[in-house]
Structures are given as structure tokens and as C-alpha cells.
């Protein structure tokens, strides 16, 4: 409250000072008129009103003349003044609408203001004037409306897709979520569930092998994505997919995780059925291919003495094609085994340098078109699934051969780095574009390049390799320049 003599307020000096203040009105407390005694230049500039149309006019006359207001708004404004007159206390109006003509516009545009009303008392402690100050908050209000609209649309989209949102505070494990979360986990709408409830419903194998690892990795990478199995309260098995991000404070410490979760049981069931079919078909195809390969080997032996070059070449090429088809079938079989619980790792301790030599020996027999080089650094023992790691090395070597010119070099290296062993396969081939390097390890992904269109394959070799390495708690990556070749790396813990 401000105490002063009312007759001393509207002098010339005061008017000059007041008129130069930011958006302000000085209003006489002559209820019910509430005459405007002074107005600042800031107010006039913002409302685009001339001074003569404001000074001496009643506040509510100006208000009604310039705003298409609802009668209830007029009543609410009068209640504000009445409360101030009665209590002699400051009254703030956080948001009210006052439309104005903007330059060049043929109609009024919505504007929103924050208004403070301060009582000015006379010597007898009665309210003589009301000092009103305002701030244009149109931008803030519209931004909030846009955010609310965006959130509304997001919630509608989430409702249509069955998606749920969740947030986890890392400080105290406070877990909050949207309304669809309960349904995704098999509970009745409105059921309250805790983070502990969610974790209990996760399949134990997935909790240990996927969720915990993804959580720890997310704190490092800042994002996470995984698909896992859950059990509903009725005992039925379902699949969910969750993805999200980690938020950090100014000290770059993780403080919360935000994510979405959606039920993918139907699509996952289709994928499992597809993989089962692939596995069954591939298994059935192996038998006739094995017989065909045996007959070709017998034919090659029988024709060893022939002088017909066409027959010799045809038999050799037929054998090569059978080998390619056999490799594709084995790839499909491995792909079908990648579902959780089907791909079993058998850990043994072995010399990875010796394994690389074995793979290269086999590759030289199957293809003598490239120079395969590897300088062994002696014995380097690791604990892993020997057959699966051999498959990864074979895939990388075969890719290097396929995507590089005949007669070029393929160089392998293997070295210990700290607690890990790093294997690399370098070729002198066509290289990989940066945009493709990000997707090269995805299932069925193949770069659409003219140079590689004639090369056979389904894009599963690198995906299988990636899955095998990840399940060994290792990493796989590529470095490449177009036209200069590529180097594929993978690292494994020495003791897994």
C-alpha cells in the first residue's frame, strides 16, 4: 500500500514522470466509475489508443469499448476493484484478455496481460487511487497453449496406438506413468503399479540379460531401446518395446529417465512364427543341398580326367553356387535362433589367433581370388563361444571378399587392449557411405549402390555378427571411406 495525499498526486511533475513509466494507469477510487486520472505512454503505445480517449474516462467504459468481453468478465473485474477497496491490499490478475488493433491488421488480435492493482491511501487510510501496472504476456500464453495442444495431440496419438509414457527419477526411484501403462502390463484401468511391480513382471532372463544392461548403458549413452517379455497377472506371456532418453543436470549427472512403452505382442508373435517357418524351411532345404553337393563332388572326381574345359568349369561353378546357397540357409537358421532363449552361448577358453588362422584357411579353399593376410602375435586366449566367434570372423572376411576387387588384399589384425581383445578386418573395396554406416548392422539392410547390386545376399550376416558380439558383452563397428575400402572391428572382453 502507498500512503499519500490524493490532492498532491496529479501535479505537473508527477504527470511527466508517470507518463514516462512503462504500462501504467492511475485510477481514481470513485466507484463505480473509477475515472482514469493518468496514463503512461507505454500503455498508449501498446493499446494504440490516443491519450484523449483514455484520460477522464471510466475504466470500465474504456474496457468495454475496446474488448468484446463476456458479462462475467466485467463482473469479475469489478470484484477485483471491490476487494481492493475493502481490504486495501494489492490484487494481482495473472492473466486477462484485452484485444488490440495491430498495425496493418483489419481486425483486433487477441492479447493477454498480467495486471497488478496497488491501492494508494490518503491521510485517513482510505483508498484514494488505484495504481494499475500491466505486462504483455501474449507470447507466453500462446506458447503454453501450443504446448498444451501438442501434449493433447500426443496423448490422442498415444491413446490410438496404445502407447504409454513413463518417467523415473534416479534420485529416489519415483516412478510415474500415463494411464495406459496399467493395461499394457495386464492390469485393470486405474490400477496403481510401482516400479517394483513392473520389474517383477519382466521375464527373469530378459531382466538379467537385457534390461539391466540397457539401463547401465543408457546412463553412458543417454538413450535406450529394447524389446522384452513380460508376464501378465493371469500368467500369459506378452512382449513390450520401450525406448527413451536420459536427462542430465548442469553437472552432467543423470537425474531422470523418460520413455515410452508399447505392447508388441501381436507383431512379435508374427515375427516368431516367421522365424519358425524360416527355420523349418531352411532345415528341410539342407538335406537336398547336401545330396546335391555330394553328387557334384562325385561328378568332379569322375570327370577329373576329362579334357572338356566346359564340363570342368560347369561342375566347379555349380559347386560354388551350392556353397553359396548353403551359407545363406545357415544364415537363416542362425537368424531364427536369435530369439531370446534360442541362441545359446557355449563358453570355452580358446586361442582366438588360432581361430582366425582356421577361418582364413577355410576361406582360401573356398575362394582364391584375394590375398588374405594375418600376422599372428602368438597365443591370445579368451573365454567365449568359439563357434559363434568363428562365424563372426568368417562373415566379416566373406564380406571383405565380396565387396572388393579380385586380387586385392584383405588384412586381419588381432591385439589385446586392456581387458579386451580387438579384431579388425580391412579390405580395399568400394567403401560404405556415412548414411549407410549407421544402418549397416540392421537386419536385412543393404546399401543401395550400383556397385553392389550384383552381389548376392540378404543383409543378415552383419546383423547376426552384431547380435553375437553384443551377447558376448562386446562391441562391433565400422570405419570406411567411399572408394577406399572399409575396416570392420569387434572387441570382446578377455574373460566373459
Protein backbone atom coordinates (compact mmCIF):
# COMPACT_ATOMS: atom_id res chain seq x y z
CA UNK A 1 0.00 0.00 0.00
CA UNK A 2 1.12 3.56 -0.68
CA UNK A 3 0.05 6.38 1.69
CA UNK A 4 -0.15 9.93 0.30
CA UNK A 5 -2.45 12.92 -0.04
CA UNK A 6 -4.66 12.38 -3.13
CA UNK A 7 -4.65 16.10 -3.98
CA UNK A 8 -0.84 16.03 -4.29
CA UNK A 9 -0.75 13.19 -6.84
CA UNK A 10 -1.88 14.66 -10.18
CA UNK A 11 0.52 17.64 -10.30
CA UNK A 12 2.54 18.51 -13.43
CA UNK A 13 5.77 16.89 -12.25
CA UNK A 14 4.00 13.70 -11.36
CA UNK A 15 2.26 13.57 -14.72
CA UNK A 16 5.54 13.86 -16.59
CA UNK A 17 7.15 11.11 -14.52
CA UNK A 18 4.09 8.88 -14.65
CA UNK A 19 3.59 9.24 -18.37
CA UNK A 20 7.17 8.05 -18.99
CA UNK A 21 6.72 4.92 -16.87
CA UNK A 22 6.05 1.55 -18.51
CA UNK A 23 2.44 0.40 -18.96
CA UNK A 24 0.57 2.04 -16.11
CA UNK A 25 -2.81 3.55 -15.28
CA UNK A 26 -3.70 5.78 -12.32
CA UNK A 27 -7.37 5.25 -11.48
CA UNK A 28 -9.45 7.27 -9.02
CA UNK A 29 -11.25 5.23 -6.40
CA UNK A 30 -14.56 6.97 -7.28
CA UNK A 31 -16.57 3.75 -7.53
CA UNK A 32 -18.44 2.77 -9.56
CA UNK A 33 -16.91 5.00 -12.31
CA UNK A 34 -13.22 4.55 -11.48
CA UNK A 35 -12.03 7.52 -13.52
CA UNK A 36 -8.65 7.28 -15.24
CA UNK A 37 -6.55 10.16 -13.87
CA UNK A 38 -3.24 9.43 -15.63
CA UNK A 39 -1.98 7.08 -18.29
CA UNK A 40 1.60 6.21 -19.30
CA UNK A 41 2.99 6.45 -22.81
CA UNK A 42 3.76 2.73 -22.64
CA UNK A 43 0.10 1.90 -22.12
CA UNK A 44 -0.99 4.10 -25.03
CA UNK A 45 1.71 2.70 -27.33
CA UNK A 46 0.72 -0.87 -26.57
CA UNK A 47 -3.05 -0.38 -26.86
CA UNK A 48 -2.77 2.07 -29.79
CA UNK A 49 -5.24 4.40 -28.07
CA UNK A 50 -4.89 8.25 -28.09
CA UNK A 51 -4.50 9.88 -24.68
CA UNK A 52 -7.65 11.98 -25.04
CA UNK A 53 -9.76 8.83 -25.43
CA UNK A 54 -8.46 7.48 -22.13
CA UNK A 55 -7.94 10.36 -19.70
CA UNK A 56 -11.04 11.28 -17.70
CA UNK A 57 -12.94 8.21 -18.89
CA UNK A 58 -14.22 5.49 -16.62
CA UNK A 59 -12.01 2.42 -16.52
CA UNK A 60 -14.85 0.05 -17.35
CA UNK A 61 -16.07 2.32 -20.15
CA UNK A 62 -12.66 2.02 -21.82
CA UNK A 63 -12.50 -1.70 -21.02
CA UNK A 64 -15.89 -2.48 -22.59
CA UNK A 65 -15.30 -0.20 -25.59
CA UNK A 66 -12.09 -1.91 -26.60
CA UNK A 67 -12.72 -5.52 -25.64
CA UNK A 68 -15.53 -7.87 -26.67
CA UNK A 69 -15.96 -9.14 -23.15
CA UNK A 70 -18.27 -11.64 -21.59
CA UNK A 71 -20.54 -10.10 -18.91
CA UNK A 72 -18.99 -12.44 -16.38
CA UNK A 73 -15.56 -10.94 -17.15
CA UNK A 74 -16.91 -7.45 -16.39
CA UNK A 75 -18.31 -8.69 -13.08
CA UNK A 76 -15.02 -10.40 -12.21
CA UNK A 77 -13.05 -7.19 -12.89
CA UNK A 78 -15.40 -5.15 -10.67
CA UNK A 79 -14.98 -7.73 -7.92
CA UNK A 80 -11.22 -7.19 -8.07
CA UNK A 81 -11.64 -3.44 -7.51
CA UNK A 82 -14.25 -4.03 -4.81
CA UNK A 83 -11.93 -6.41 -2.96
CA UNK A 84 -9.05 -3.92 -3.17
CA UNK A 85 -11.27 -1.08 -1.87
CA UNK A 86 -12.45 -3.21 1.03
CA UNK A 87 -9.16 -4.79 2.11
CA UNK A 88 -6.73 -2.07 0.92
CA UNK A 89 -4.47 -4.86 -0.29
CA UNK A 90 -2.69 -5.34 -3.62
CA UNK A 91 -4.53 -7.57 -6.07
CA UNK A 92 -2.79 -9.35 -8.96
CA UNK A 93 -4.64 -10.63 -12.01
CA UNK A 94 -2.27 -13.21 -13.57
CA UNK A 95 -3.97 -13.35 -16.98
CA UNK A 96 -6.69 -11.36 -18.68
CA UNK A 97 -7.51 -10.85 -22.34
CA UNK A 98 -7.51 -7.41 -23.98
CA UNK A 99 -7.65 -7.40 -27.80
CA UNK A 100 -6.00 -4.60 -29.78
CA UNK A 101 -5.64 -3.43 -33.36
CA UNK A 102 -2.14 -4.19 -34.58
CA UNK A 103 -0.57 -2.11 -37.37
CA UNK A 104 -1.71 -3.35 -40.76
CA UNK A 105 -4.42 -5.60 -39.33
CA UNK A 106 -8.05 -5.00 -40.21
CA UNK A 107 -9.31 -6.53 -37.02
CA UNK A 108 -8.42 -6.89 -33.38
CA UNK A 109 -5.97 -9.59 -32.44
CA UNK A 110 -6.02 -11.42 -29.10
CA UNK A 111 -3.56 -10.19 -26.47
CA UNK A 112 -3.06 -11.35 -22.93
CA UNK A 113 -1.86 -9.30 -19.98
CA UNK A 114 -0.76 -9.69 -16.41
CA UNK A 115 -2.15 -6.86 -14.24
CA UNK A 116 -1.21 -5.65 -10.75
CA UNK A 117 -3.54 -3.33 -8.81
CA UNK A 118 -1.92 -1.36 -5.95
CA UNK A 119 -4.05 0.75 -3.55
CA UNK A 120 -2.89 4.32 -2.84
CA UNK A 121 -4.22 5.58 0.51
CA UNK A 122 -4.97 9.12 1.69
CA UNK A 123 -4.12 10.50 5.13
CA UNK A 124 -7.20 8.83 6.59
CA UNK A 125 -6.08 5.46 5.26
CA UNK A 126 -8.83 5.30 2.70
CA UNK A 127 -8.21 4.12 -0.86
CA UNK A 128 -7.90 7.26 -2.97
CA UNK A 129 -6.34 5.85 -6.13
CA UNK A 130 -5.53 2.52 -7.73
CA UNK A 131 -2.19 2.18 -9.50
CA UNK A 132 -2.51 -0.38 -12.25
CA UNK A 133 0.59 -1.79 -13.97
CA UNK A 134 0.46 -4.33 -16.75
CA UNK A 135 2.76 -6.63 -18.74
CA UNK A 136 2.03 -8.12 -22.16
CA UNK A 137 2.28 -11.92 -21.74
CA UNK A 138 0.72 -12.85 -25.09
CA UNK A 139 3.80 -14.78 -26.24
CA UNK A 140 3.92 -16.81 -23.03
CA UNK A 141 0.19 -17.60 -23.14
CA UNK A 142 0.32 -18.68 -26.79
CA UNK A 143 3.41 -20.79 -26.13
CA UNK A 144 1.59 -22.51 -23.26
CA UNK A 145 -1.48 -23.06 -25.42
CA UNK A 146 0.70 -24.52 -28.17
CA UNK A 147 2.39 -26.82 -25.66
CA UNK A 148 -0.96 -27.93 -24.29
CA UNK A 149 -2.26 -28.54 -27.79
CA UNK A 150 0.86 -30.51 -28.65
CA UNK A 151 0.51 -32.54 -25.46
CA UNK A 152 -3.18 -33.12 -26.22
CA UNK A 153 -2.35 -34.39 -29.70
CA UNK A 154 0.43 -36.57 -28.32
CA UNK A 155 -1.95 -38.09 -25.79
CA UNK A 156 -4.53 -38.71 -28.53
CA UNK A 157 -1.87 -40.37 -30.67
CA UNK A 158 -0.70 -42.43 -27.71
CA UNK A 159 -4.28 -43.47 -26.97
CA UNK A 160 -4.80 -44.50 -30.59
CA UNK A 161 -1.61 -46.58 -30.65
CA UNK A 162 -1.87 -47.94 -27.11
CA UNK A 163 1.38 -46.26 -26.09
CA UNK A 164 2.16 -45.31 -22.51
CA UNK A 165 4.60 -42.72 -21.16
CA UNK A 166 6.71 -43.11 -18.05
CA UNK A 167 9.25 -41.16 -16.02
CA UNK A 168 11.75 -42.40 -13.46
CA UNK A 169 13.58 -40.13 -11.02
CA UNK A 170 17.04 -41.57 -10.46
CA UNK A 171 17.44 -39.78 -7.13
CA UNK A 172 14.60 -41.52 -5.28
CA UNK A 173 13.25 -44.04 -7.86
CA UNK A 174 9.95 -42.13 -8.07
CA UNK A 175 8.02 -43.77 -10.91
CA UNK A 176 5.18 -42.01 -12.74
CA UNK A 177 3.31 -43.02 -15.89
CA UNK A 178 0.32 -42.35 -18.14
CA UNK A 179 -2.99 -44.14 -17.90
CA UNK A 180 -2.23 -46.85 -20.50
CA UNK A 181 0.66 -48.29 -18.51
CA UNK A 182 -1.58 -50.46 -16.31
CA UNK A 183 -3.31 -52.01 -19.33
CA UNK A 184 -0.02 -52.80 -21.10
CA UNK A 185 1.03 -54.80 -18.02
CA UNK A 186 -2.31 -56.63 -17.86
CA UNK A 187 -3.94 -54.70 -15.01
CA UNK A 188 -7.38 -53.11 -14.88
CA UNK A 189 -7.59 -49.42 -15.89
CA UNK A 190 -6.74 -47.17 -12.97
CA UNK A 191 -4.69 -49.81 -11.14
CA UNK A 192 -1.71 -48.28 -9.35
CA UNK A 193 1.56 -50.03 -10.15
CA UNK A 194 5.05 -49.40 -8.84
CA UNK A 195 8.46 -49.83 -10.41
CA UNK A 196 8.88 -52.96 -8.31
CA UNK A 197 5.62 -54.34 -9.76
CA UNK A 198 6.90 -53.72 -13.29
CA UNK A 199 10.22 -55.44 -12.63
CA UNK A 200 8.54 -58.47 -11.07
CA UNK A 201 6.52 -58.97 -14.26
CA UNK A 202 9.61 -58.94 -16.51
CA UNK A 203 10.87 -62.30 -17.74
CA UNK A 204 13.84 -63.18 -15.49
CA UNK A 205 16.18 -63.88 -18.43
CA UNK A 206 15.32 -60.57 -20.10
CA UNK A 207 15.65 -58.67 -16.83
CA UNK A 208 19.16 -60.01 -16.33
CA UNK A 209 20.43 -60.09 -19.91
CA UNK A 210 18.68 -57.09 -21.49
CA UNK A 211 17.06 -54.60 -19.10
CA UNK A 212 19.88 -54.25 -16.58
CA UNK A 213 22.48 -53.95 -19.36
CA UNK A 214 20.36 -51.44 -21.28
CA UNK A 215 19.85 -49.39 -18.12
CA UNK A 216 23.57 -49.25 -17.35
CA UNK A 217 24.43 -48.44 -20.97
CA UNK A 218 21.76 -45.72 -21.12
CA UNK A 219 23.46 -43.85 -18.28
CA UNK A 220 26.54 -43.70 -20.54
CA UNK A 221 24.95 -43.20 -23.98
CA UNK A 222 21.95 -41.11 -22.92
CA UNK A 223 19.34 -43.25 -24.70
CA UNK A 224 17.96 -46.77 -24.63
CA UNK A 225 15.83 -49.17 -26.66
CA UNK A 226 14.89 -52.78 -26.04
CA UNK A 227 12.19 -55.41 -26.50
CA UNK A 228 11.44 -57.80 -23.65
CA UNK A 229 8.93 -60.35 -22.44
CA UNK A 230 6.57 -59.76 -19.53
CA UNK A 231 4.11 -61.94 -17.64
CA UNK A 232 0.60 -60.62 -17.04
CA UNK A 233 -1.05 -61.33 -13.68
CA UNK A 234 -3.04 -64.12 -15.37
CA UNK A 235 0.22 -65.85 -16.35
CA UNK A 236 0.09 -65.10 -20.10
CA UNK A 237 3.31 -64.08 -21.86
CA UNK A 238 3.48 -60.75 -23.71
CA UNK A 239 6.07 -58.58 -25.45
CA UNK A 240 6.73 -54.87 -24.90
CA UNK A 241 9.02 -52.34 -26.57
CA UNK A 242 10.39 -49.39 -24.64
CA UNK A 243 12.57 -46.52 -25.79
CA UNK A 244 13.56 -43.20 -24.31
CA UNK A 245 16.26 -40.86 -23.12
CA UNK A 246 18.21 -39.86 -20.03
CA UNK A 247 18.17 -36.28 -18.75
CA UNK A 248 21.18 -34.74 -17.01
CA UNK A 249 21.69 -31.82 -14.63
CA UNK A 250 24.16 -28.97 -15.18
CA UNK A 251 26.94 -31.16 -13.74
CA UNK A 252 26.19 -33.75 -16.44
CA UNK A 253 24.87 -36.20 -13.86
CA UNK A 254 21.87 -38.38 -14.86
CA UNK A 255 18.80 -37.28 -12.93
CA UNK A 256 15.82 -38.88 -14.68
CA UNK A 257 14.78 -41.24 -17.44
CA UNK A 258 11.85 -40.57 -19.77
CA UNK A 259 10.39 -43.20 -22.02
CA UNK A 260 7.53 -44.80 -23.89
CA UNK A 261 6.32 -48.37 -23.79
CA UNK A 262 4.00 -50.19 -26.19
CA UNK A 263 2.64 -53.72 -26.39
CA UNK A 264 4.13 -55.51 -29.44
CA UNK A 265 2.84 -58.99 -28.65
CA UNK A 266 0.95 -59.37 -31.91
CA UNK A 267 3.77 -58.21 -34.19
CA UNK A 268 6.32 -60.18 -32.18
CA UNK A 269 4.21 -63.32 -32.45
CA UNK A 270 4.11 -62.85 -36.22
CA UNK A 271 7.88 -62.44 -36.24
CA UNK A 272 8.37 -65.58 -34.16
CA UNK A 273 6.08 -67.56 -36.47
CA UNK A 274 8.02 -66.22 -39.45
CA UNK A 275 11.33 -67.23 -37.88
CA UNK A 276 9.95 -70.67 -37.06
CA UNK A 277 8.89 -71.06 -40.69
CA UNK A 278 12.33 -69.90 -41.90
CA UNK A 279 14.00 -72.36 -39.56
CA UNK A 280 11.76 -75.22 -40.71
CA UNK A 281 12.15 -74.41 -44.42
CA UNK A 282 15.91 -73.92 -44.10
CA UNK A 283 16.28 -77.19 -42.25
CA UNK A 284 14.32 -79.03 -44.94
CA UNK A 285 16.40 -77.43 -47.70
CA UNK A 286 19.66 -78.60 -46.13
CA UNK A 287 19.02 -82.26 -46.97
CA UNK A 288 18.64 -81.95 -50.77
CA UNK A 289 21.51 -79.43 -50.87
CA UNK A 290 23.77 -81.84 -49.01
CA UNK A 291 22.89 -84.57 -51.51
CA UNK A 292 23.41 -82.20 -54.43
CA UNK A 293 26.83 -81.20 -53.11
CA UNK A 294 27.82 -84.85 -52.68
CA UNK A 295 26.78 -85.68 -56.26
CA UNK A 296 28.74 -82.71 -57.58
CA UNK A 297 31.83 -83.82 -55.67
CA UNK A 298 31.46 -87.34 -57.12
CA UNK A 299 30.98 -85.88 -60.58
CA UNK A 300 34.08 -83.72 -60.17
CA UNK A 301 36.08 -86.83 -59.20
CA UNK A 302 34.71 -88.86 -62.13
CA UNK A 303 35.48 -86.06 -64.58
CA UNK A 304 38.96 -85.36 -63.27
CA UNK A 305 40.47 -86.90 -66.39
CA UNK A 306 38.23 -85.14 -68.91
CA UNK A 307 39.74 -82.70 -71.34
CA UNK A 308 36.49 -80.80 -71.88
CA UNK A 309 37.07 -77.38 -70.19
CA UNK A 310 33.39 -76.50 -70.23
CA UNK A 311 32.42 -79.59 -68.20
CA UNK A 312 35.14 -78.94 -65.63
CA UNK A 313 34.18 -75.28 -65.27
CA UNK A 314 30.46 -76.06 -65.05
CA UNK A 315 30.99 -78.57 -62.23
CA UNK A 316 33.20 -76.18 -60.27
CA UNK A 317 30.77 -73.27 -60.67
CA UNK A 318 27.85 -75.49 -59.68
CA UNK A 319 29.70 -76.46 -56.53
CA UNK A 320 30.36 -72.79 -55.74
CA UNK A 321 26.68 -71.94 -56.13
CA UNK A 322 25.71 -74.81 -53.84
CA UNK A 323 28.18 -73.49 -51.26
CA UNK A 324 26.63 -70.01 -51.51
CA UNK A 325 23.14 -71.39 -51.07
CA UNK A 326 24.28 -73.49 -48.12
CA UNK A 327 25.77 -70.38 -46.49
CA UNK A 328 22.51 -68.47 -46.99
CA UNK A 329 20.50 -71.29 -45.42
CA UNK A 330 22.83 -71.45 -42.42
CA UNK A 331 22.38 -67.67 -42.07
CA UNK A 332 18.60 -68.03 -41.98
CA UNK A 333 18.87 -70.80 -39.40
CA UNK A 334 21.05 -68.61 -37.20
CA UNK A 335 18.62 -65.72 -37.64
CA UNK A 336 15.75 -67.84 -36.37
CA UNK A 337 17.78 -68.77 -33.29
CA UNK A 338 18.31 -65.17 -32.23
CA UNK A 339 15.01 -65.06 -30.33
CA UNK A 340 15.66 -64.92 -26.55
CA UNK A 341 16.22 -68.37 -25.17
CA UNK A 342 17.09 -69.98 -28.53
CA UNK A 343 20.63 -68.73 -29.14
CA UNK A 344 22.74 -70.48 -26.55
CA UNK A 345 26.35 -69.46 -25.98
CA UNK A 346 28.76 -72.23 -25.04
CA UNK A 347 31.76 -70.59 -23.38
CA UNK A 348 35.17 -72.19 -23.61
CA UNK A 349 38.70 -70.84 -23.33
CA UNK A 350 40.49 -70.83 -26.70
CA UNK A 351 43.21 -69.08 -28.69
CA UNK A 352 41.49 -66.52 -30.91
CA UNK A 353 44.59 -66.20 -33.13
CA UNK A 354 44.39 -69.91 -33.91
CA UNK A 355 40.67 -69.50 -34.68
CA UNK A 356 41.43 -66.69 -37.14
CA UNK A 357 44.00 -68.90 -38.89
CA UNK A 358 41.40 -71.69 -39.22
CA UNK A 359 38.84 -69.30 -40.72
CA UNK A 360 41.36 -67.95 -43.22
CA UNK A 361 42.42 -71.46 -44.25
CA UNK A 362 38.80 -72.34 -44.98
CA UNK A 363 38.25 -69.04 -46.82
CA UNK A 364 41.31 -69.65 -49.02
CA UNK A 365 39.91 -73.04 -50.02
CA UNK A 366 36.51 -71.59 -50.92
CA UNK A 367 37.86 -68.50 -52.66
CA UNK A 368 41.35 -67.97 -54.07
CA UNK A 369 40.57 -64.59 -55.62
CA UNK A 370 42.02 -62.42 -52.85
CA UNK A 371 45.19 -62.22 -50.82
CA UNK A 372 44.25 -62.88 -47.18
CA UNK A 373 46.88 -61.69 -44.70
CA UNK A 374 47.15 -62.21 -40.94
CA UNK A 375 50.23 -61.91 -38.77
CA UNK A 376 49.63 -63.84 -35.58
CA UNK A 377 51.07 -62.35 -32.43
CA UNK A 378 51.25 -65.68 -30.62
CA UNK A 379 48.68 -67.20 -28.31
CA UNK A 380 45.83 -64.95 -27.16
CA UNK A 381 43.30 -66.83 -25.06
CA UNK A 382 39.76 -65.58 -24.47
CA UNK A 383 36.60 -67.06 -22.96
CA UNK A 384 33.71 -67.07 -25.46
CA UNK A 385 31.65 -69.28 -27.75
CA UNK A 386 34.31 -70.44 -30.22
CA UNK A 387 31.91 -71.47 -32.98
CA UNK A 388 29.94 -68.22 -32.82
CA UNK A 389 33.06 -66.01 -32.83
CA UNK A 390 34.39 -68.05 -35.75
CA UNK A 391 31.14 -67.34 -37.56
CA UNK A 392 31.57 -63.59 -36.97
CA UNK A 393 35.13 -63.64 -38.33
CA UNK A 394 34.01 -65.68 -41.33
CA UNK A 395 31.16 -63.24 -42.07
CA UNK A 396 33.50 -60.25 -41.97
CA UNK A 397 36.10 -61.96 -44.19
CA UNK A 398 33.46 -63.08 -46.70
CA UNK A 399 32.04 -59.55 -46.84
CA UNK A 400 35.51 -58.13 -47.43
CA UNK A 401 35.97 -60.55 -50.33
CA UNK A 402 32.54 -59.86 -51.82
CA UNK A 403 32.85 -56.07 -51.78
CA UNK A 404 36.41 -55.69 -53.05
CA UNK A 405 38.10 -56.31 -56.38
CA UNK A 406 39.77 -59.62 -57.22
CA UNK A 407 43.46 -59.64 -56.43
CA UNK A 408 43.14 -57.06 -53.64
CA UNK A 409 44.27 -57.55 -50.05
CA UNK A 410 42.15 -58.47 -47.03
CA UNK A 411 44.15 -57.86 -43.86
CA UNK A 412 43.23 -59.17 -40.41
CA UNK A 413 44.64 -57.99 -37.11
CA UNK A 414 44.10 -59.12 -33.54
CA UNK A 415 45.52 -57.42 -30.48
CA UNK A 416 44.92 -57.17 -26.75
CA UNK A 417 43.86 -53.75 -25.45
CA UNK A 418 43.45 -53.65 -21.69
CA UNK A 419 40.81 -56.16 -20.67
CA UNK A 420 39.60 -56.59 -24.26
CA UNK A 421 40.74 -58.18 -27.47
CA UNK A 422 40.12 -56.24 -30.70
CA UNK A 423 39.84 -57.95 -34.09
CA UNK A 424 39.79 -55.98 -37.35
CA UNK A 425 39.19 -56.94 -40.98
CA UNK A 426 40.34 -54.40 -43.59
CA UNK A 427 39.57 -54.52 -47.32
CA UNK A 428 40.38 -52.37 -50.34
CA UNK A 429 36.81 -52.38 -51.63
CA UNK A 430 34.09 -49.93 -52.63
CA UNK A 431 33.64 -48.48 -49.14
CA UNK A 432 30.45 -47.50 -47.33
CA UNK A 433 28.66 -44.15 -47.33
CA UNK A 434 28.29 -42.43 -43.92
CA UNK A 435 24.48 -42.71 -44.06
CA UNK A 436 24.76 -46.47 -44.60
CA UNK A 437 27.35 -46.98 -41.86
CA UNK A 438 24.70 -46.09 -39.27
CA UNK A 439 22.37 -48.84 -40.52
CA UNK A 440 24.76 -51.50 -41.79
CA UNK A 441 24.22 -53.75 -38.75
CA UNK A 442 20.42 -53.69 -39.02
CA UNK A 443 18.61 -56.83 -40.06
CA UNK A 444 18.08 -57.20 -43.84
CA UNK A 445 19.69 -53.81 -44.51
CA UNK A 446 21.68 -53.50 -47.73
CA UNK A 447 23.16 -50.32 -49.18
CA UNK A 448 21.51 -49.42 -52.49
CA UNK A 449 24.59 -48.88 -54.62
CA UNK A 450 25.16 -49.65 -58.28
CA UNK A 451 28.48 -51.31 -57.41
CA UNK A 452 26.83 -53.82 -55.06
CA UNK A 453 23.59 -54.66 -56.86
CA UNK A 454 25.12 -57.75 -58.47
CA UNK A 455 26.39 -59.11 -55.11
CA UNK A 456 24.20 -61.81 -53.59
CA UNK A 457 23.00 -61.72 -50.02
CA UNK A 458 20.03 -60.87 -47.79
CA UNK A 459 21.71 -58.43 -45.40
CA UNK A 460 21.72 -60.75 -42.38
CA UNK A 461 25.44 -61.54 -41.99
CA UNK A 462 26.40 -58.28 -40.26
CA UNK A 463 23.18 -58.31 -38.22
CA UNK A 464 23.96 -61.82 -36.96
CA UNK A 465 27.55 -60.80 -36.22
CA UNK A 466 26.35 -57.77 -34.29
CA UNK A 467 23.92 -59.84 -32.21
CA UNK A 468 26.56 -62.46 -31.41
CA UNK A 469 29.11 -59.85 -30.33
CA UNK A 470 26.57 -57.93 -28.23
CA UNK A 471 25.54 -61.11 -26.45
CA UNK A 472 29.19 -61.60 -25.59
CA UNK A 473 29.09 -58.11 -24.00
CA UNK A 474 31.32 -56.81 -26.78
CA UNK A 475 31.11 -54.07 -29.41
CA UNK A 476 31.18 -54.05 -33.20
CA UNK A 477 31.69 -51.07 -35.51
CA UNK A 478 32.95 -49.98 -38.92
CA UNK A 479 35.23 -47.29 -40.31
CA UNK A 480 35.02 -46.64 -44.03
CA UNK A 481 35.62 -44.16 -46.84
CA UNK A 482 33.89 -44.44 -50.21
CA UNK A 483 36.16 -45.90 -52.84
CA UNK A 484 38.96 -46.58 -50.34
CA UNK A 485 37.72 -49.66 -48.52
CA UNK A 486 36.40 -50.50 -45.06
CA UNK A 487 37.62 -51.80 -41.73
CA UNK A 488 35.25 -53.76 -39.52
CA UNK A 489 36.14 -54.10 -35.85
CA UNK A 490 34.80 -56.06 -32.95
CA UNK A 491 36.01 -56.18 -29.36
CA UNK A 492 35.44 -58.83 -26.72
CA UNK A 493 36.21 -58.98 -23.03
CA UNK A 494 39.08 -61.38 -22.46
CA UNK A 495 37.06 -63.12 -19.75
CA UNK A 496 33.32 -63.14 -20.43
